[in-house]
Amino acid sequence: MKKQKIILSYKGKKKVLELYKIPWWREGIGLMFSNAKNSKALLFSFKKEVRIGIFSLFIPFNFLAIWLDKDKNIIEKKIISRGEIGVKPVNKFKYLIEIPVTEKYDEILGFLDERRKV
């Protein structure tokens, strides 16, 4: 996986997030079989806008899903609990970020107003 930085804009503020770009052949795996301590924030990039569902089977921790449009604007975000299936945003998206809900990512979760919900 290739390390990459992305700038997230939220409520008029910006924050740089370091994450790992998932290669196309690993898209179906994502955070599955990871442990909370060593898991990393992941970026999924699709060739065109899609509206596919995600699931959290075999992921032993909660994670924040952030769906982005083609210009990398946040469309929607949601904490995904263990065992959820078929979670998808209302609109199509081009990018998906999965951020483990762990201490390592407290700063970005707080920036996105998600820390309080966990």
Protein backbone atom coordinates (compact mmCIF):
# COMPACT_ATOMS: atom_id res chain seq x y z
CA MET A 1 0.00 0.00 0.00
CA LYS A 2 1.23 3.46 -0.87
CA LYS A 3 1.27 6.18 1.80
CA GLN A 4 -0.59 9.33 0.76
CA LYS A 5 -1.79 12.60 2.27
CA ILE A 6 -5.19 14.14 1.69
CA ILE A 7 -6.58 17.48 2.83
CA LEU A 8 -10.02 17.21 4.41
CA SER A 9 -12.21 20.33 4.58
CA TYR A 10 -14.91 20.37 7.23
CA LYS A 11 -16.93 23.28 8.60
CA GLY A 12 -14.57 25.81 7.02
CA LYS A 13 -11.42 24.24 8.46
CA LYS A 14 -8.80 22.03 6.83
CA LYS A 15 -6.80 19.11 8.17
CA VAL A 16 -4.16 16.92 6.54
CA LEU A 17 -4.75 13.19 6.95
CA GLU A 18 -2.05 10.63 6.25
CA LEU A 19 -3.47 7.37 4.94
CA TYR A 20 -2.73 4.39 2.74
CA LYS A 21 -4.12 4.00 -0.78
CA ILE A 22 -5.65 0.58 -1.32
CA PRO A 23 -4.66 -1.12 -4.61
CA TRP A 24 -7.61 -2.28 -6.74
CA TRP A 25 -6.97 -5.97 -5.99
CA ARG A 26 -7.33 -5.35 -2.24
CA GLU A 27 -10.52 -3.26 -2.32
CA GLY A 28 -12.70 -6.08 -1.03
CA ILE A 29 -10.56 -6.56 2.08
CA GLY A 30 -9.95 -3.07 3.49
CA LEU A 31 -9.74 -3.23 7.30
CA MET A 32 -10.84 -6.87 7.52
CA PHE A 33 -8.66 -9.06 9.73
CA SER A 34 -6.80 -6.00 11.10
CA ASN A 35 -6.31 -5.38 14.78
CA ALA A 36 -7.17 -2.02 16.30
CA LYS A 37 -3.65 -1.28 17.51
CA ASN A 38 -1.91 -1.66 14.13
CA SER A 39 -4.67 -0.62 11.74
CA LYS A 40 -4.20 2.32 9.39
CA ALA A 41 -6.52 4.85 7.74
CA LEU A 42 -7.27 3.66 4.21
CA LEU A 43 -8.19 5.41 0.96
CA PHE A 44 -10.22 3.64 -1.72
CA SER A 45 -10.23 5.29 -5.14
CA PHE A 46 -12.69 4.22 -7.84
CA LYS A 47 -12.36 4.83 -11.58
CA LYS A 48 -15.82 6.38 -11.74
CA GLU A 49 -18.45 7.47 -9.25
CA VAL A 50 -20.19 4.52 -7.63
CA ARG A 51 -22.80 3.82 -4.97
CA ILE A 52 -21.72 0.52 -3.51
CA GLY A 53 -22.29 -0.74 0.01
CA ILE A 54 -19.61 -1.51 2.55
CA PHE A 55 -19.65 -3.86 5.51
CA SER A 56 -17.72 -4.45 8.72
CA LEU A 57 -17.68 -8.22 8.95
CA PHE A 58 -14.36 -9.53 10.29
CA ILE A 59 -13.38 -6.05 11.53
CA PRO A 60 -13.07 -6.24 15.32
CA PHE A 61 -13.40 -2.48 15.92
CA ASN A 62 -15.54 0.46 14.81
CA PHE A 63 -14.36 2.72 12.01
CA LEU A 64 -15.36 6.02 10.46
CA ALA A 65 -16.36 5.84 6.80
CA ILE A 66 -16.05 9.10 4.85
CA TRP A 67 -17.44 9.22 1.33
CA LEU A 68 -15.96 11.87 -1.01
CA ASP A 69 -17.00 13.18 -4.41
CA LYS A 70 -14.70 13.50 -7.44
CA ASP A 71 -13.30 16.79 -6.04
CA LYS A 72 -12.61 15.12 -2.67
CA ASN A 73 -15.38 17.01 -0.88
CA ILE A 74 -17.04 15.15 1.97
CA ILE A 75 -20.45 13.86 0.87
CA GLU A 76 -21.28 11.87 3.98
CA LYS A 77 -19.62 10.26 7.01
CA LYS A 78 -20.70 7.58 9.45
CA ILE A 79 -19.28 5.49 12.27
CA ILE A 80 -19.61 1.85 11.19
CA SER A 81 -20.06 -0.61 14.05
CA ARG A 82 -18.85 -4.19 14.03
CA GLY A 83 -21.07 -6.52 12.03
CA GLU A 84 -22.87 -3.93 9.86
CA ILE A 85 -23.60 -4.79 6.22
CA GLY A 86 -24.88 -2.87 3.21
CA VAL A 87 -23.94 0.62 4.46
CA LYS A 88 -23.87 3.18 1.66
CA PRO A 89 -24.34 6.92 1.28
CA VAL A 90 -27.34 8.54 -0.36
CA ASN A 91 -25.30 9.82 -3.33
CA LYS A 92 -22.60 8.35 -5.57
CA PHE A 93 -18.96 8.76 -4.53
CA LYS A 94 -15.50 8.48 -6.07
CA TYR A 95 -13.40 8.04 -2.92
CA LEU A 96 -13.92 6.27 0.38
CA ILE A 97 -11.82 6.74 3.50
CA GLU A 98 -11.92 4.26 6.38
CA ILE A 99 -10.47 5.54 9.66
CA PRO A 100 -10.18 3.16 12.63
CA VAL A 101 -11.82 4.54 15.75
CA THR A 102 -8.70 4.28 17.89
CA GLU A 103 -6.60 6.64 20.01
CA LYS A 104 -4.17 6.94 17.11
CA TYR A 105 -6.83 8.84 15.13
CA ASP A 106 -8.42 10.84 18.01
CA GLU A 107 -7.28 14.15 16.52
CA ILE A 108 -8.89 13.62 13.11
CA LEU A 109 -12.03 12.09 14.67
CA GLY A 110 -12.36 15.17 16.86
CA PHE A 111 -11.83 17.45 13.86
CA LEU A 112 -14.73 15.68 12.10
CA ASP A 113 -16.97 15.88 15.22
CA GLU A 114 -16.99 12.10 15.56
CA ARG A 115 -15.02 11.53 18.75
CA ARG A 116 -18.00 12.37 20.96
CA LYS A 117 -20.19 9.82 19.20
CA VAL A 118 -17.90 6.88 19.91
